[in-house]
PDB file of N, CA and C in Angstrom:
ATOM      1  N   UNK A   1     119.165  -0.765 198.995  1.00  0.00           N
ATOM      2  CA  UNK A   1     118.030  -0.496 198.887  1.00  0.00           C
ATOM      3  C   UNK A   1     117.039  -0.484 200.172  1.00  0.00           C
ATOM      4  N   UNK A   2     116.285   0.595 200.329  1.00  0.00           N
ATOM      5  CA  UNK A   2     115.465   0.559 201.511  1.00  0.00           C
ATOM      6  C   UNK A   2     114.144   0.048 201.432  1.00  0.00           C
ATOM      7  N   UNK A   3     113.278  -1.084 202.221  1.00  0.00           N
ATOM      8  CA  UNK A   3     111.945  -1.566 201.871  1.00  0.00           C
ATOM      9  C   UNK A   3     110.779  -0.517 202.126  1.00  0.00           C
ATOM     10  N   UNK A   4     111.247   0.574 203.070  1.00  0.00           N
ATOM     11  CA  UNK A   4     110.464   1.606 202.987  1.00  0.00           C
ATOM     12  C   UNK A   4     110.080   1.647 204.645  1.00  0.00           C
ATOM     13  N   UNK A   5     109.146   2.415 204.968  1.00  0.00           N
ATOM     14  CA  UNK A   5     108.770   2.373 206.377  1.00  0.00           C
ATOM     15  C   UNK A   5     108.736   0.870 207.096  1.00  0.00           C
ATOM     16  N   UNK A   6     109.051   0.669 208.173  1.00  0.00           N
ATOM     17  CA  UNK A   6     109.012  -0.478 208.823  1.00  0.00           C
ATOM     18  C   UNK A   6     107.737  -0.694 209.773  1.00  0.00           C
ATOM     19  N   UNK A   7     107.040  -1.686 209.812  1.00  0.00           N
ATOM     20  CA  UNK A   7     106.059  -2.006 210.320  1.00  0.00           C
ATOM     21  C   UNK A   7     106.049  -1.528 211.887  1.00  0.00           C
ATOM     22  N   UNK A   8     104.881  -1.394 212.485  1.00  0.00           N
ATOM     23  CA  UNK A   8     105.156  -1.026 214.223  1.00  0.00           C
ATOM     24  C   UNK A   8     105.071  -2.388 214.634  1.00  0.00           C
ATOM     25  N   UNK A   9     104.484  -3.739 214.198  1.00  0.00           N
ATOM     26  CA  UNK A   9     104.774  -4.798 214.656  1.00  0.00           C
ATOM     27  C   UNK A   9     105.809  -5.557 214.563  1.00  0.00           C
ATOM     28  N   UNK A  10     106.874  -5.005 213.744  1.00  0.00           N
ATOM     29  CA  UNK A  10     108.020  -5.580 214.012  1.00  0.00           C
ATOM     30  C   UNK A  10     109.025  -5.192 215.225  1.00  0.00           C
ATOM     31  N   UNK A  11     109.291  -7.151 215.701  1.00  0.00           N
ATOM     32  CA  UNK A  11     109.874  -7.304 216.997  1.00  0.00           C
ATOM     33  C   UNK A  11     111.781  -6.587 217.086  1.00  0.00           C
ATOM     34  N   UNK A  12     112.155  -6.817 215.743  1.00  0.00           N
ATOM     35  CA  UNK A  12     113.329  -6.430 215.891  1.00  0.00           C
ATOM     36  C   UNK A  12     113.923  -5.702 214.537  1.00  0.00           C
ATOM     37  N   UNK A  13     114.626  -4.574 214.993  1.00  0.00           N
ATOM     38  CA  UNK A  13     114.973  -3.647 213.431  1.00  0.00           C
ATOM     39  C   UNK A  13     115.886  -4.562 212.663  1.00  0.00           C
ATOM     40  N   UNK A  14     115.895  -3.973 211.402  1.00  0.00           N
ATOM     41  CA  UNK A  14     116.345  -4.700 210.117  1.00  0.00           C
ATOM     42  C   UNK A  14     117.635  -3.868 209.677  1.00  0.00           C
ATOM     43  N   UNK A  15     118.609  -4.124 209.335  1.00  0.00           N
ATOM     44  CA  UNK A  15     119.532  -3.138 208.860  1.00  0.00           C
ATOM     45  C   UNK A  15     119.523  -3.498 207.418  1.00  0.00           C
ATOM     46  N   UNK A  16     119.802  -2.283 206.417  1.00  0.00           N
ATOM     47  CA  UNK A  16     120.125  -2.379 205.119  1.00  0.00           C
ATOM     48  C   UNK A  16     121.601  -2.846 204.890  1.00  0.00           C
ATOM     49  N   UNK A  17     121.601  -3.811 204.442  1.00  0.00           N
ATOM     50  CA  UNK A  17     122.721  -4.548 203.529  1.00  0.00           C
ATOM     51  C   UNK A  17     123.141  -3.734 202.277  1.00  0.00           C
ATOM     52  N   UNK A  18     124.415  -3.272 202.385  1.00  0.00           N
ATOM     53  CA  UNK A  18     125.032  -2.486 201.515  1.00  0.00           C
ATOM     54  C   UNK A  18     125.561  -3.135 199.849  1.00  0.00           C
ATOM     55  N   UNK A  19     126.050  -4.452 200.241  1.00  0.00           N
ATOM     56  CA  UNK A  19     126.297  -5.371 199.265  1.00  0.00           C
ATOM     57  C   UNK A  19     125.428  -6.575 198.939  1.00  0.00           C
ATOM     58  N   UNK A  20     124.838  -6.557 200.098  1.00  0.00           N
ATOM     59  CA  UNK A  20     123.510  -7.977 199.948  1.00  0.00           C
ATOM     60  C   UNK A  20     124.035  -9.425 200.262  1.00  0.00           C
ATOM     61  N   UNK A  21     123.615  -9.984 200.660  1.00  0.00           N
ATOM     62  CA  UNK A  21     124.087 -11.449 200.992  1.00  0.00           C
ATOM     63  C   UNK A  21     123.132 -12.408 200.762  1.00  0.00           C
ATOM     64  N   UNK A  22     123.874 -13.495 199.713  1.00  0.00           N
ATOM     65  CA  UNK A  22     123.151 -14.360 199.033  1.00  0.00           C
ATOM     66  C   UNK A  22     122.268 -15.430 200.034  1.00  0.00           C
ATOM     67  N   UNK A  23     121.049 -15.880 199.886  1.00  0.00           N
ATOM     68  CA  UNK A  23     120.268 -16.751 200.339  1.00  0.00           C
ATOM     69  C   UNK A  23     119.570 -17.847 199.483  1.00  0.00           C
ATOM     70  N   UNK A  24     120.080 -19.118 200.022  1.00  0.00           N
ATOM     71  CA  UNK A  24     119.123 -20.232 198.742  1.00  0.00           C
ATOM     72  C   UNK A  24     117.853 -20.176 199.670  1.00  0.00           C
ATOM     73  N   UNK A  25     117.137 -20.410 198.735  1.00  0.00           N
ATOM     74  CA  UNK A  25     115.524 -20.767 199.451  1.00  0.00           C
ATOM     75  C   UNK A  25     114.787 -21.856 198.690  1.00  0.00           C
ATOM     76  N   UNK A  26     113.781 -22.232 199.276  1.00  0.00           N
ATOM     77  CA  UNK A  26     113.106 -22.949 198.616  1.00  0.00           C
ATOM     78  C   UNK A  26     111.335 -22.984 198.966  1.00  0.00           C
ATOM     79  N   UNK A  27     110.649 -22.905 198.262  1.00  0.00           N
ATOM     80  CA  UNK A  27     109.210 -23.111 198.389  1.00  0.00           C
ATOM     81  C   UNK A  27     108.616 -24.299 197.475  1.00  0.00           C
ATOM     82  N   UNK A  28     108.017 -25.123 198.171  1.00  0.00           N
ATOM     83  CA  UNK A  28     107.428 -26.249 197.421  1.00  0.00           C
ATOM     84  C   UNK A  28     108.688 -26.739 196.815  1.00  0.00           C
ATOM     85  N   UNK A  29     108.763 -27.124 195.583  1.00  0.00           N
ATOM     86  CA  UNK A  29     109.905 -28.132 195.204  1.00  0.00           C
ATOM     87  C   UNK A  29     110.863 -26.669 194.262  1.00  0.00           C
ATOM     88  N   UNK A  30     110.466 -25.519 194.220  1.00  0.00           N
ATOM     89  CA  UNK A  30     111.384 -24.603 193.575  1.00  0.00           C
ATOM     90  C   UNK A  30     112.403 -24.288 194.379  1.00  0.00           C
ATOM     91  N   UNK A  31     113.791 -24.049 193.791  1.00  0.00           N
ATOM     92  CA  UNK A  31     114.800 -23.874 194.426  1.00  0.00           C
ATOM     93  C   UNK A  31     115.436 -22.367 193.941  1.00  0.00           C
ATOM     94  N   UNK A  32     115.927 -21.177 194.702  1.00  0.00           N
ATOM     95  CA  UNK A  32     116.297 -20.144 193.950  1.00  0.00           C
ATOM     96  C   UNK A  32     117.551 -19.726 194.728  1.00  0.00           C
ATOM     97  N   UNK A  33     118.249 -19.083 194.437  1.00  0.00           N
ATOM     98  CA  UNK A  33     119.351 -17.976 194.850  1.00  0.00           C
ATOM     99  C   UNK A  33     119.265 -16.539 194.894  1.00  0.00           C
ATOM    100  N   UNK A  34     119.071 -15.580 195.782  1.00  0.00           N
ATOM    101  CA  UNK A  34     118.557 -14.379 195.321  1.00  0.00           C
ATOM    102  C   UNK A  34     119.651 -13.433 196.436  1.00  0.00           C
ATOM    103  N   UNK A  35     119.183 -12.240 196.632  1.00  0.00           N
ATOM    104  CA  UNK A  35     120.157 -11.416 197.190  1.00  0.00           C
ATOM    105  C   UNK A  35     119.050 -11.051 198.661  1.00  0.00           C
ATOM    106  N   UNK A  36     120.022 -10.824 199.716  1.00  0.00           N
ATOM    107  CA  UNK A  36     119.129 -10.160 200.737  1.00  0.00           C
ATOM    108  C   UNK A  36     119.475  -8.866 200.956  1.00  0.00           C
ATOM    109  N   UNK A  37     118.584  -8.209 200.971  1.00  0.00           N
ATOM    110  CA  UNK A  37     118.842  -6.427 201.319  1.00  0.00           C
ATOM    111  C   UNK A  37     118.487  -5.901 202.262  1.00  0.00           C
ATOM    112  N   UNK A  38     117.552  -6.245 203.257  1.00  0.00           N
ATOM    113  CA  UNK A  38     117.474  -6.113 204.827  1.00  0.00           C
ATOM    114  C   UNK A  38     117.701  -7.371 205.518  1.00  0.00           C
ATOM    115  N   UNK A  39     118.065  -7.328 206.787  1.00  0.00           N
ATOM    116  CA  UNK A  39     118.160  -8.244 207.614  1.00  0.00           C
ATOM    117  C   UNK A  39     118.218  -7.919 209.079  1.00  0.00           C
ATOM    118  N   UNK A  40     116.976  -8.518 210.144  1.00  0.00           N
ATOM    119  CA  UNK A  40     117.444  -8.668 211.553  1.00  0.00           C
ATOM    120  C   UNK A  40     117.247  -9.898 212.088  1.00  0.00           C
ATOM    121  N   UNK A  41     116.908 -10.128 213.157  1.00  0.00           N
ATOM    122  CA  UNK A  41     116.891 -11.170 214.012  1.00  0.00           C
ATOM    123  C   UNK A  41     115.191 -11.827 213.678  1.00  0.00           C
ATOM    124  N   UNK A  42     114.505 -11.160 213.404  1.00  0.00           N
ATOM    125  CA  UNK A  42     113.155 -11.562 212.933  1.00  0.00           C
ATOM    126  C   UNK A  42     112.929 -11.708 211.590  1.00  0.00           C
ATOM    127  N   UNK A  43     113.581 -11.464 210.612  1.00  0.00           N
ATOM    128  CA  UNK A  43     113.438 -11.650 209.180  1.00  0.00           C
ATOM    129  C   UNK A  43     114.269 -11.067 208.038  1.00  0.00           C
ATOM    130  N   UNK A  44     113.769 -11.136 207.202  1.00  0.00           N
ATOM    131  CA  UNK A  44     114.818 -10.542 205.977  1.00  0.00           C
ATOM    132  C   UNK A  44     113.831  -9.894 204.743  1.00  0.00           C
ATOM    133  N   UNK A  45     114.310  -8.954 203.901  1.00  0.00           N
ATOM    134  CA  UNK A  45     113.752  -8.953 202.468  1.00  0.00           C
ATOM    135  C   UNK A  45     114.833  -9.289 201.558  1.00  0.00           C
ATOM    136  N   UNK A  46     113.973 -10.077 200.922  1.00  0.00           N
ATOM    137  CA  UNK A  46     114.670 -11.036 199.924  1.00  0.00           C
ATOM    138  C   UNK A  46     114.308 -10.626 198.338  1.00  0.00           C
ATOM    139  N   UNK A  47     114.839  -9.820 197.391  1.00  0.00           N
ATOM    140  CA  UNK A  47     114.909  -9.604 196.390  1.00  0.00           C
ATOM    141  C   UNK A  47     114.709 -10.346 195.324  1.00  0.00           C
ATOM    142  N   UNK A  48     113.673 -10.781 194.575  1.00  0.00           N
ATOM    143  CA  UNK A  48     113.533 -11.781 193.457  1.00  0.00           C
ATOM    144  C   UNK A  48     112.648 -11.174 192.632  1.00  0.00           C
ATOM    145  N   UNK A  49     112.565 -11.330 191.152  1.00  0.00           N
ATOM    146  CA  UNK A  49     111.582 -10.804 190.528  1.00  0.00           C
ATOM    147  C   UNK A  49     110.034 -12.084 190.686  1.00  0.00           C
ATOM    148  N   UNK A  50     109.895 -13.188 191.087  1.00  0.00           N
ATOM    149  CA  UNK A  50     108.967 -13.497 191.358  1.00  0.00           C
ATOM    150  C   UNK A  50     108.672 -14.508 192.579  1.00  0.00           C
ATOM    151  N   UNK A  51     108.281 -13.521 193.639  1.00  0.00           N
ATOM    152  CA  UNK A  51     108.438 -13.726 195.103  1.00  0.00           C
ATOM    153  C   UNK A  51     106.837 -14.758 195.134  1.00  0.00           C
ATOM    154  N   UNK A  52     107.272 -15.723 195.933  1.00  0.00           N
ATOM    155  CA  UNK A  52     106.016 -16.494 196.662  1.00  0.00           C
ATOM    156  C   UNK A  52     105.023 -15.579 197.057  1.00  0.00           C
ATOM    157  N   UNK A  53     103.756 -16.101 197.329  1.00  0.00           N
ATOM    158  CA  UNK A  53     102.437 -15.708 197.850  1.00  0.00           C
ATOM    159  C   UNK A  53     102.524 -15.181 199.110  1.00  0.00           C
ATOM    160  N   UNK A  54     101.915 -14.338 199.777  1.00  0.00           N
ATOM    161  CA  UNK A  54     102.084 -14.113 201.285  1.00  0.00           C
ATOM    162  C   UNK A  54     101.733 -15.243 202.109  1.00  0.00           C
ATOM    163  N   UNK A  55     102.013 -15.914 202.721  1.00  0.00           N
ATOM    164  CA  UNK A  55     101.746 -16.943 203.748  1.00  0.00           C
ATOM    165  C   UNK A  55     102.157 -18.439 203.402  1.00  0.00           C
ATOM    166  N   UNK A  56     103.036 -18.423 202.088  1.00  0.00           N
ATOM    167  CA  UNK A  56     103.913 -19.510 201.796  1.00  0.00           C
ATOM    168  C   UNK A  56     105.016 -19.563 202.849  1.00  0.00           C
ATOM    169  N   UNK A  57     105.637 -21.113 202.988  1.00  0.00           N
ATOM    170  CA  UNK A  57     106.506 -21.279 204.014  1.00  0.00           C
ATOM    171  C   UNK A  57     107.713 -21.437 203.108  1.00  0.00           C
ATOM    172  N   UNK A  58     108.655 -20.821 203.337  1.00  0.00           N
ATOM    173  CA  UNK A  58     110.100 -21.006 202.783  1.00  0.00           C
ATOM    174  C   UNK A  58     111.102 -21.589 203.551  1.00  0.00           C
ATOM    175  N   UNK A  59     111.988 -22.295 203.183  1.00  0.00           N
ATOM    176  CA  UNK A  59     113.062 -22.819 203.581  1.00  0.00           C
ATOM    177  C   UNK A  59     114.371 -21.928 203.185  1.00  0.00           C
ATOM    178  N   UNK A  60     115.172 -21.703 204.372  1.00  0.00           N
ATOM    179  CA  UNK A  60     116.223 -20.529 204.112  1.00  0.00           C
ATOM    180  C   UNK A  60     117.561 -21.412 204.017  1.00  0.00           C
ATOM    181  N   UNK A  61     118.763 -20.564 203.411  1.00  0.00           N
ATOM    182  CA  UNK A  61     120.005 -20.945 203.807  1.00  0.00           C
ATOM    183  C   UNK A  61     120.679 -19.901 203.683  1.00  0.00           C
ATOM    184  N   UNK A  62     121.531 -19.241 204.862  1.00  0.00           N
ATOM    185  CA  UNK A  62     122.044 -17.918 204.275  1.00  0.00           C
ATOM    186  C   UNK A  62     123.786 -18.684 204.558  1.00  0.00           C
ATOM    187  N   UNK A  63     124.548 -18.272 203.559  1.00  0.00           N
ATOM    188  CA  UNK A  63     125.870 -18.791 203.680  1.00  0.00           C
ATOM    189  C   UNK A  63     126.590 -17.672 204.121  1.00  0.00           C
ATOM    190  N   UNK A  64     127.360 -17.631 205.604  1.00  0.00           N
ATOM    191  CA  UNK A  64     127.974 -16.423 205.929  1.00  0.00           C
ATOM    192  C   UNK A  64     129.394 -17.022 206.392  1.00  0.00           C
ATOM    193  N   UNK A  65     130.368 -16.301 206.440  1.00  0.00           N
ATOM    194  CA  UNK A  65     131.698 -16.448 207.313  1.00  0.00           C
ATOM    195  C   UNK A  65     131.554 -17.229 208.200  1.00  0.00           C
ATOM    196  N   UNK A  66     130.266 -16.681 209.066  1.00  0.00           N
ATOM    197  CA  UNK A  66     130.348 -17.406 210.687  1.00  0.00           C
ATOM    198  C   UNK A  66     129.926 -18.883 210.113  1.00  0.00           C
ATOM    199  N   UNK A  67     129.276 -19.141 209.246  1.00  0.00           N
ATOM    200  CA  UNK A  67     128.635 -20.702 208.962  1.00  0.00           C
ATOM    201  C   UNK A  67     127.690 -20.264 208.251  1.00  0.00           C
ATOM    202  N   UNK A  68     126.931 -21.337 208.081  1.00  0.00           N
ATOM    203  CA  UNK A  68     125.307 -21.173 207.479  1.00  0.00           C
ATOM    204  C   UNK A  68     124.430 -20.994 208.795  1.00  0.00           C
ATOM    205  N   UNK A  69     123.499 -20.368 207.934  1.00  0.00           N
ATOM    206  CA  UNK A  69     122.582 -20.214 208.860  1.00  0.00           C
ATOM    207  C   UNK A  69     121.417 -20.670 208.302  1.00  0.00           C
ATOM    208  N   UNK A  70     120.362 -21.652 208.906  1.00  0.00           N
ATOM    209  CA  UNK A  70     119.555 -22.451 208.297  1.00  0.00           C
ATOM    210  C   UNK A  70     118.108 -21.484 209.091  1.00  0.00           C
ATOM    211  N   UNK A  71     117.288 -21.171 208.231  1.00  0.00           N
ATOM    212  CA  UNK A  71     115.586 -21.165 209.057  1.00  0.00           C
ATOM    213  C   UNK A  71     114.660 -21.330 207.955  1.00  0.00           C
ATOM    214  N   UNK A  72     113.254 -21.604 208.759  1.00  0.00           N
ATOM    215  CA  UNK A  72     112.306 -21.339 207.937  1.00  0.00           C
ATOM    216  C   UNK A  72     111.460 -20.330 208.214  1.00  0.00           C
ATOM    217  N   UNK A  73     110.881 -19.683 207.308  1.00  0.00           N
ATOM    218  CA  UNK A  73     110.234 -18.476 207.369  1.00  0.00           C
ATOM    219  C   UNK A  73     108.787 -18.391 206.902  1.00  0.00           C
ATOM    220  N   UNK A  74     107.865 -17.286 207.126  1.00  0.00           N
ATOM    221  CA  UNK A  74     107.058 -17.233 206.259  1.00  0.00           C
ATOM    222  C   UNK A  74     106.712 -16.155 205.498  1.00  0.00           C
ATOM    223  N   UNK A  75     106.523 -16.062 204.382  1.00  0.00           N
ATOM    224  CA  UNK A  75     106.190 -14.836 203.516  1.00  0.00           C
ATOM    225  C   UNK A  75     105.023 -13.819 204.352  1.00  0.00           C
ATOM    226  N   UNK A  76     105.612 -12.463 204.415  1.00  0.00           N
ATOM    227  CA  UNK A  76     104.687 -11.868 205.056  1.00  0.00           C
ATOM    228  C   UNK A  76     104.244 -10.791 203.992  1.00  0.00           C
ATOM    229  N   UNK A  77     105.072 -10.645 203.030  1.00  0.00           N
ATOM    230  CA  UNK A  77     104.785  -9.441 202.318  1.00  0.00           C
ATOM    231  C   UNK A  77     105.477  -9.938 200.855  1.00  0.00           C
ATOM    232  N   UNK A  78     104.388  -9.661 199.635  1.00  0.00           N
ATOM    233  CA  UNK A  78     105.095 -10.180 198.379  1.00  0.00           C
ATOM    234  C   UNK A  78     105.118  -9.410 197.342  1.00  0.00           C
ATOM    235  N   UNK A  79     106.065  -9.004 196.684  1.00  0.00           N
ATOM    236  CA  UNK A  79     106.020  -7.521 195.794  1.00  0.00           C
ATOM    237  C   UNK A  79     106.438  -8.139 194.676  1.00  0.00           C
ATOM    238  N   UNK A  80     105.845  -8.352 193.504  1.00  0.00           N
ATOM    239  CA  UNK A  80     105.974  -8.897 192.460  1.00  0.00           C
ATOM    240  C   UNK A  80     107.020  -8.284 191.711  1.00  0.00           C
ATOM    241  N   UNK A  81     108.203  -8.704 191.075  1.00  0.00           N
ATOM    242  CA  UNK A  81     109.335  -7.387 190.346  1.00  0.00           C
ATOM    243  C   UNK A  81     109.940  -7.022 191.206  1.00  0.00           C
ATOM    244  N   UNK A  82     109.773  -7.017 192.921  1.00  0.00           N
ATOM    245  CA  UNK A  82     110.656  -6.626 193.694  1.00  0.00           C
ATOM    246  C   UNK A  82     110.975  -7.902 194.945  1.00  0.00           C
ATOM    247  N   UNK A  83     110.361  -8.110 195.210  1.00  0.00           N
ATOM    248  CA  UNK A  83     110.715  -9.384 196.326  1.00  0.00           C
ATOM    249  C   UNK A  83     109.811  -9.807 197.340  1.00  0.00           C
ATOM    250  N   UNK A  84     110.326 -10.319 198.613  1.00  0.00           N
ATOM    251  CA  UNK A  84     109.506 -10.758 199.620  1.00  0.00           C
ATOM    252  C   UNK A  84     110.022 -10.401 200.964  1.00  0.00           C
ATOM    253  N   UNK A  85     109.386  -9.910 202.444  1.00  0.00           N
ATOM    254  CA  UNK A  85     109.611  -9.894 203.305  1.00  0.00           C
ATOM    255  C   UNK A  85     109.048 -11.206 204.107  1.00  0.00           C
ATOM    256  N   UNK A  86     110.391 -11.904 204.711  1.00  0.00           N
ATOM    257  CA  UNK A  86     110.054 -13.182 205.152  1.00  0.00           C
ATOM    258  C   UNK A  86     110.362 -12.770 206.614  1.00  0.00           C
ATOM    259  N   UNK A  87     109.624 -13.540 207.498  1.00  0.00           N
ATOM    260  CA  UNK A  87     109.580 -13.568 209.024  1.00  0.00           C
ATOM    261  C   UNK A  87     109.757 -15.017 209.317  1.00  0.00           C
ATOM    262  N   UNK A  88     111.049 -14.698 210.233  1.00  0.00           N
ATOM    263  CA  UNK A  88     111.629 -16.381 210.651  1.00  0.00           C
ATOM    264  C   UNK A  88     110.850 -17.001 211.586  1.00  0.00           C
ATOM    265  N   UNK A  89     110.214 -18.108 211.348  1.00  0.00           N
ATOM    266  CA  UNK A  89     109.303 -18.846 212.260  1.00  0.00           C
ATOM    267  C   UNK A  89     110.149 -20.095 212.960  1.00  0.00           C
ATOM    268  N   UNK A  90     111.504 -20.403 212.359  1.00  0.00           N
ATOM    269  CA  UNK A  90     111.994 -21.649 212.847  1.00  0.00           C
ATOM    270  C   UNK A  90     113.494 -21.312 212.432  1.00  0.00           C
ATOM    271  N   UNK A  91     114.267 -21.521 213.852  1.00  0.00           N
ATOM    272  CA  UNK A  91     115.714 -21.420 213.759  1.00  0.00           C
ATOM    273  C   UNK A  91     116.485 -22.012 214.850  1.00  0.00           C
ATOM    274  N   UNK A  92     117.480 -22.937 214.958  1.00  0.00           N
ATOM    275  CA  UNK A  92     117.885 -23.645 215.852  1.00  0.00           C
ATOM    276  C   UNK A  92     119.032 -22.333 216.339  1.00  0.00           C
ATOM    277  N   UNK A  93     119.130 -22.607 217.898  1.00  0.00           N
ATOM    278  CA  UNK A  93     119.848 -21.731 218.684  1.00  0.00           C
ATOM    279  C   UNK A  93     121.226 -21.644 217.979  1.00  0.00           C
ATOM    280  N   UNK A  94     121.635 -22.288 217.609  1.00  0.00           N
ATOM    281  CA  UNK A  94     123.359 -22.341 217.106  1.00  0.00           C
ATOM    282  C   UNK A  94     123.245 -21.402 215.919  1.00  0.00           C
ATOM    283  N   UNK A  95     122.160 -21.565 214.944  1.00  0.00           N
ATOM    284  CA  UNK A  95     121.594 -20.480 213.740  1.00  0.00           C
ATOM    285  C   UNK A  95     121.879 -19.050 214.267  1.00  0.00           C
ATOM    286  N   UNK A  96     120.790 -19.102 215.276  1.00  0.00           N
ATOM    287  CA  UNK A  96     120.500 -17.625 215.750  1.00  0.00           C
ATOM    288  C   UNK A  96     121.780 -16.943 216.361  1.00  0.00           C
ATOM    289  N   UNK A  97     122.388 -17.801 216.890  1.00  0.00           N
ATOM    290  CA  UNK A  97     123.952 -17.171 217.325  1.00  0.00           C
ATOM    291  C   UNK A  97     124.762 -16.659 216.206  1.00  0.00           C
ATOM    292  N   UNK A  98     124.755 -17.621 215.248  1.00  0.00           N
ATOM    293  CA  UNK A  98     125.805 -16.995 214.196  1.00  0.00           C
ATOM    294  C   UNK A  98     125.163 -15.754 213.642  1.00  0.00           C
ATOM    295  N   UNK A  99     123.847 -15.362 213.466  1.00  0.00           N
ATOM    296  CA  UNK A  99     123.266 -14.391 212.763  1.00  0.00           C
ATOM    297  C   UNK A  99     123.444 -13.218 213.767  1.00  0.00           C
ATOM    298  N   UNK A 100     123.189 -13.268 215.026  1.00  0.00           N
ATOM    299  CA  UNK A 100     123.467 -12.597 215.767  1.00  0.00           C
ATOM    300  C   UNK A 100     124.848 -11.829 215.847  1.00  0.00           C
ATOM    301  N   UNK A 101     126.039 -12.890 215.298  1.00  0.00           N
ATOM    302  CA  UNK A 101     127.288 -12.452 215.194  1.00  0.00           C
ATOM    303  C   UNK A 101     127.517 -11.596 214.116  1.00  0.00           C
ATOM    304  N   UNK A 102     126.696 -11.859 212.969  1.00  0.00           N
ATOM    305  CA  UNK A 102     126.924 -11.420 211.654  1.00  0.00           C
ATOM    306  C   UNK A 102     126.323  -9.955 211.757  1.00  0.00           C
ATOM    307  N   UNK A 103     125.132  -9.978 212.433  1.00  0.00           N
ATOM    308  CA  UNK A 103     124.264  -8.283 212.686  1.00  0.00           C
ATOM    309  C   UNK A 103     125.337  -7.539 213.707  1.00  0.00           C
ATOM    310  N   UNK A 104     125.762  -8.135 214.667  1.00  0.00           N
ATOM    311  CA  UNK A 104     126.867  -7.069 215.084  1.00  0.00           C
ATOM    312  C   UNK A 104     127.968  -6.610 214.533  1.00  0.00           C
ATOM    313  N   UNK A 105     128.118  -7.453 213.903  1.00  0.00           N
ATOM    314  CA  UNK A 105     129.660  -7.065 212.624  1.00  0.00           C
ATOM    315  C   UNK A 105     129.252  -5.937 211.851  1.00  0.00           C
ATOM    316  N   UNK A 106     128.104  -6.328 211.033  1.00  0.00           N
ATOM    317  CA  UNK A 106     127.639  -5.170 210.234  1.00  0.00           C
ATOM    318  C   UNK A 106     127.183  -4.019 210.823  1.00  0.00           C
ATOM    319  N   UNK A 107     126.841  -3.706 212.129  1.00  0.00           N
ATOM    320  CA  UNK A 107     126.432  -2.466 212.694  1.00  0.00           C
ATOM    321  C   UNK A 107     127.774  -1.551 212.976  1.00  0.00           C
ATOM    322  N   UNK A 108     128.641  -2.179 213.150  1.00  0.00           N
ATOM    323  CA  UNK A 108     130.087  -1.752 213.339  1.00  0.00           C
ATOM    324  C   UNK A 108     130.357  -0.828 212.322  1.00  0.00           C
TER     325      UNK A 108
END
Protein backbone atom coordinates (compact mmCIF):
# COMPACT_ATOMS: atom_id res chain seq x y z
CA UNK A 1 0.00 0.00 0.00
CA UNK A 2 1.43 3.36 -1.02
CA UNK A 3 1.01 6.27 1.37
CA UNK A 4 1.12 8.79 -1.48
CA UNK A 5 3.79 11.28 -2.43
CA UNK A 6 6.63 11.59 -0.01
CA UNK A 7 7.17 15.02 1.52
CA UNK A 8 10.29 16.86 0.39
CA UNK A 9 11.28 17.31 4.04
CA UNK A 10 11.83 13.55 4.49
CA UNK A 11 15.53 12.83 5.07
CA UNK A 12 15.44 9.10 4.34
CA UNK A 13 13.43 7.29 1.67
CA UNK A 14 10.82 4.77 2.78
CA UNK A 15 10.17 1.43 1.14
CA UNK A 16 6.78 -0.18 0.78
CA UNK A 17 6.58 -3.51 2.58
CA UNK A 18 4.69 -6.13 0.55
CA UNK A 19 3.61 -8.22 3.54
CA UNK A 20 4.02 -5.67 6.27
CA UNK A 21 5.87 -6.08 9.53
CA UNK A 22 4.20 -6.13 12.93
CA UNK A 23 4.96 -3.32 15.34
CA UNK A 24 3.92 -3.06 18.98
CA UNK A 25 3.32 0.53 19.95
CA UNK A 26 2.23 2.40 23.01
CA UNK A 27 0.83 5.89 23.49
CA UNK A 28 0.10 6.89 27.07
CA UNK A 29 -1.36 3.67 28.61
CA UNK A 30 -2.81 2.18 25.41
CA UNK A 31 -0.84 -0.68 23.81
CA UNK A 32 -1.56 -1.85 20.26
CA UNK A 33 -0.11 -4.23 17.66
CA UNK A 34 -0.38 -3.03 14.06
CA UNK A 35 1.16 -3.52 10.63
CA UNK A 36 3.91 -1.31 9.21
CA UNK A 37 3.26 -0.57 5.53
CA UNK A 38 6.24 1.68 4.73
CA UNK A 39 9.57 1.85 6.53
CA UNK A 40 12.76 3.87 6.39
CA UNK A 41 15.61 4.97 8.65
CA UNK A 42 13.65 8.10 9.57
CA UNK A 43 10.24 6.60 10.29
CA UNK A 44 7.30 4.46 9.23
CA UNK A 45 3.63 4.41 8.33
CA UNK A 46 1.58 2.23 10.67
CA UNK A 47 -1.84 0.92 9.65
CA UNK A 48 -4.31 1.37 12.49
CA UNK A 49 -7.99 2.35 12.52
CA UNK A 50 -7.64 4.73 15.48
CA UNK A 51 -4.29 6.52 15.22
CA UNK A 52 -3.12 8.92 17.91
CA UNK A 53 -3.14 12.65 17.26
CA UNK A 54 -0.36 14.51 15.47
CA UNK A 55 2.34 15.38 18.01
CA UNK A 56 1.71 12.40 20.28
CA UNK A 57 4.82 10.45 21.34
CA UNK A 58 4.75 6.68 20.74
CA UNK A 59 7.02 3.90 21.97
CA UNK A 60 7.65 1.29 19.25
CA UNK A 61 8.98 -2.27 19.13
CA UNK A 62 9.56 -4.00 15.78
CA UNK A 63 10.08 -7.77 16.07
CA UNK A 64 12.60 -8.75 13.38
CA UNK A 65 14.75 -11.79 12.55
CA UNK A 66 17.77 -9.53 13.22
CA UNK A 67 16.40 -8.84 16.72
CA UNK A 68 13.99 -6.35 18.22
CA UNK A 69 14.22 -2.71 17.20
CA UNK A 70 13.05 -0.32 19.89
CA UNK A 71 12.41 3.34 19.19
CA UNK A 72 10.52 6.38 20.31
CA UNK A 73 8.72 8.40 17.68
CA UNK A 74 6.47 11.39 17.14
CA UNK A 75 3.22 11.13 15.18
CA UNK A 76 3.63 13.46 12.19
CA UNK A 77 0.51 12.44 10.25
CA UNK A 78 -2.72 10.93 11.56
CA UNK A 79 -5.38 9.56 9.22
CA UNK A 80 -8.37 8.06 11.05
CA UNK A 81 -9.36 4.76 9.47
CA UNK A 82 -5.94 4.43 7.76
CA UNK A 83 -3.07 4.96 10.14
CA UNK A 84 -0.24 7.23 11.23
CA UNK A 85 3.08 8.46 9.95
CA UNK A 86 5.72 8.28 12.69
CA UNK A 87 9.11 9.98 12.71
CA UNK A 88 11.77 8.25 14.82
CA UNK A 89 13.05 10.63 17.49
CA UNK A 90 15.11 8.25 19.66
CA UNK A 91 16.81 4.94 18.84
CA UNK A 92 19.97 3.28 20.15
CA UNK A 93 22.87 2.70 17.76
CA UNK A 94 22.35 -1.10 18.03
CA UNK A 95 18.66 -0.79 17.14
CA UNK A 96 19.52 1.51 14.23
CA UNK A 97 22.02 -1.07 12.97
CA UNK A 98 19.37 -3.82 13.02
CA UNK A 99 16.96 -1.54 11.15
CA UNK A 100 19.64 -0.80 8.53
CA UNK A 101 20.26 -4.56 8.08
CA UNK A 102 16.54 -5.13 7.52
CA UNK A 103 16.27 -2.30 4.99
CA UNK A 104 19.29 -3.60 3.06
CA UNK A 105 17.78 -7.07 2.95
CA UNK A 106 14.38 -5.78 1.79
CA UNK A 107 15.85 -3.66 -1.03
CA UNK A 108 17.38 -6.75 -2.69
